[in-house]
Amino acid sequence: EATLDLAERRRIRSAIRELQRQELERDEETLASKRFRPERSSHRQDDKENWPQSQHLEEEQQAALAALSEQLEAITSVEELTKLLRAAGEYEERKLIRAAIRKLRAEEIEAATLAGNVQNSQ
């Protein structure tokens, strides 16, 4: 009786493992099919039709980002940059402002370190 029960348990466990393995394989196949789904031809056609307009918008955005970058170079206060960051709406703008804040903070740390080294050497 004890042996039959253990054998039954083994069969159940192996069946469960097999079901889990099959489920994992199905999940992997689903992910692979979503990841490498071919583009639809109508979608490519839409891209071709809208390309000049999207290119123009991209050029405008690049010009605006370049102007913002020049403006950020002139700002020397982290507080001002933080205000700009809170007011910014676009991801790329926020990205530039965060980079400017990091740069200013690094310069402040470097200046403090140099001042500390000069003070220690005296």
Protein backbone atom coordinates (compact mmCIF):
# COMPACT_ATOMS: atom_id res chain seq x y z
CA GLU A 1 0.00 0.00 0.00
CA ALA A 2 2.78 2.45 0.90
CA THR A 3 4.65 1.68 -2.32
CA LEU A 4 1.62 2.24 -4.49
CA ASP A 5 0.99 5.60 -2.81
CA LEU A 6 4.61 6.70 -3.41
CA ALA A 7 4.46 5.57 -6.99
CA GLU A 8 1.24 7.53 -7.46
CA ARG A 9 2.88 10.60 -5.97
CA ARG A 10 5.84 10.25 -8.33
CA ARG A 11 3.51 10.01 -11.33
CA ILE A 12 1.57 13.09 -10.18
CA ARG A 13 4.77 15.07 -9.63
CA SER A 14 6.16 14.10 -13.01
CA ALA A 15 2.84 15.03 -14.68
CA ILE A 16 2.89 18.41 -12.93
CA ARG A 17 6.50 19.02 -14.03
CA GLU A 18 5.59 18.12 -17.60
CA LEU A 19 2.61 20.52 -17.57
CA GLN A 20 4.81 23.31 -16.18
CA ARG A 21 7.45 22.63 -18.85
CA GLN A 22 4.82 22.76 -21.60
CA GLU A 23 3.40 26.00 -20.19
CA LEU A 24 6.86 27.58 -20.14
CA GLU A 25 7.46 26.54 -23.74
CA ARG A 26 4.13 28.08 -24.79
CA ASP A 27 4.98 31.31 -22.96
CA GLU A 28 8.40 31.45 -24.64
CA GLU A 29 6.84 30.86 -28.07
CA THR A 30 4.28 33.60 -27.43
CA LEU A 31 7.00 36.05 -26.40
CA ALA A 32 9.13 35.15 -29.39
CA SER A 33 6.24 35.64 -31.78
CA LYS A 34 5.45 39.04 -30.28
CA ARG A 35 9.08 40.12 -30.26
CA PHE A 36 9.77 39.25 -33.87
CA ARG A 37 6.42 40.06 -35.42
CA PRO A 38 6.93 41.17 -39.05
CA GLU A 39 5.85 44.66 -40.01
CA ARG A 40 2.64 45.05 -41.90
CA SER A 41 2.98 46.44 -45.41
CA SER A 42 0.22 49.03 -44.88
CA HIS A 43 2.07 50.32 -41.81
CA ARG A 44 5.22 50.81 -43.88
CA GLN A 45 3.19 52.67 -46.48
CA ASP A 46 1.82 55.02 -43.80
CA ASP A 47 5.36 55.70 -42.66
CA LYS A 48 6.41 56.62 -46.18
CA GLU A 49 3.48 59.00 -46.57
CA ASN A 50 4.10 60.72 -43.24
CA TRP A 51 7.89 60.77 -43.47
CA PRO A 52 8.36 64.39 -44.68
CA GLN A 53 6.07 65.71 -41.95
CA SER A 54 7.73 63.64 -39.22
CA GLN A 55 11.18 64.65 -40.46
CA HIS A 56 10.18 68.32 -40.28
CA LEU A 57 8.89 67.88 -36.72
CA GLU A 58 12.07 66.07 -35.72
CA GLU A 59 14.22 68.88 -37.14
CA GLU A 60 12.19 71.45 -35.19
CA GLN A 61 12.60 69.42 -32.03
CA GLN A 62 16.36 69.15 -32.57
CA ALA A 63 16.61 72.92 -33.06
CA ALA A 64 14.61 73.53 -29.88
CA LEU A 65 16.83 71.13 -27.94
CA ALA A 66 19.97 72.84 -29.24
CA ALA A 67 18.61 76.22 -28.12
CA LEU A 68 17.74 74.76 -24.72
CA SER A 69 21.22 73.30 -24.41
CA GLU A 70 22.78 76.72 -25.03
CA GLN A 71 20.41 78.26 -22.48
CA LEU A 72 21.38 75.61 -19.91
CA GLU A 73 25.08 76.37 -20.37
CA ALA A 74 24.44 79.94 -19.15
CA ILE A 75 22.59 78.86 -15.97
CA THR A 76 24.81 78.34 -12.95
CA SER A 77 22.20 77.65 -10.27
CA VAL A 78 20.87 74.20 -9.48
CA GLU A 79 17.67 75.79 -8.16
CA GLU A 80 16.97 77.46 -11.51
CA LEU A 81 17.62 74.23 -13.34
CA THR A 82 15.30 72.39 -10.95
CA LYS A 83 12.53 74.91 -11.70
CA LEU A 84 13.08 74.38 -15.43
CA LEU A 85 13.01 70.62 -14.91
CA ARG A 86 9.64 70.80 -13.16
CA ALA A 87 8.23 72.98 -15.95
CA ALA A 88 9.60 70.84 -18.80
CA GLY A 89 7.12 68.62 -20.58
CA GLU A 90 9.16 66.61 -23.05
CA TYR A 91 11.39 63.70 -22.11
CA GLU A 92 14.36 64.99 -24.11
CA GLU A 93 14.13 68.41 -22.43
CA ARG A 94 14.09 66.83 -18.98
CA LYS A 95 17.01 64.63 -19.99
CA LEU A 96 19.11 67.67 -20.98
CA ILE A 97 18.21 69.56 -17.82
CA ARG A 98 19.08 66.58 -15.61
CA ALA A 99 22.44 66.31 -17.35
CA ALA A 100 23.08 70.01 -16.71
CA ILE A 101 22.19 69.56 -13.04
CA ARG A 102 24.56 66.60 -12.74
CA LYS A 103 27.31 68.62 -14.41
CA LEU A 104 26.82 71.58 -12.04
CA ARG A 105 26.82 69.33 -9.00
CA ALA A 106 29.99 67.59 -10.18
CA GLU A 107 31.66 70.99 -10.65
CA GLU A 108 30.55 72.05 -7.16
CA ILE A 109 31.97 68.85 -5.65
CA GLU A 110 35.22 69.28 -7.57
CA ALA A 111 35.53 72.91 -6.40
CA ALA A 112 34.86 71.89 -2.79
CA THR A 113 37.41 69.09 -3.03
CA LEU A 114 40.05 71.43 -4.43
CA ALA A 115 39.30 74.00 -1.73
CA GLY A 116 39.62 71.28 0.92
CA ASN A 117 42.93 70.11 -0.53
CA VAL A 118 44.31 73.66 -0.59
CA GLN A 119 43.17 74.24 2.98
CA ASN A 120 44.75 70.95 4.14
CA SER A 121 48.07 71.72 2.45
CA GLN A 122 48.33 75.09 4.23
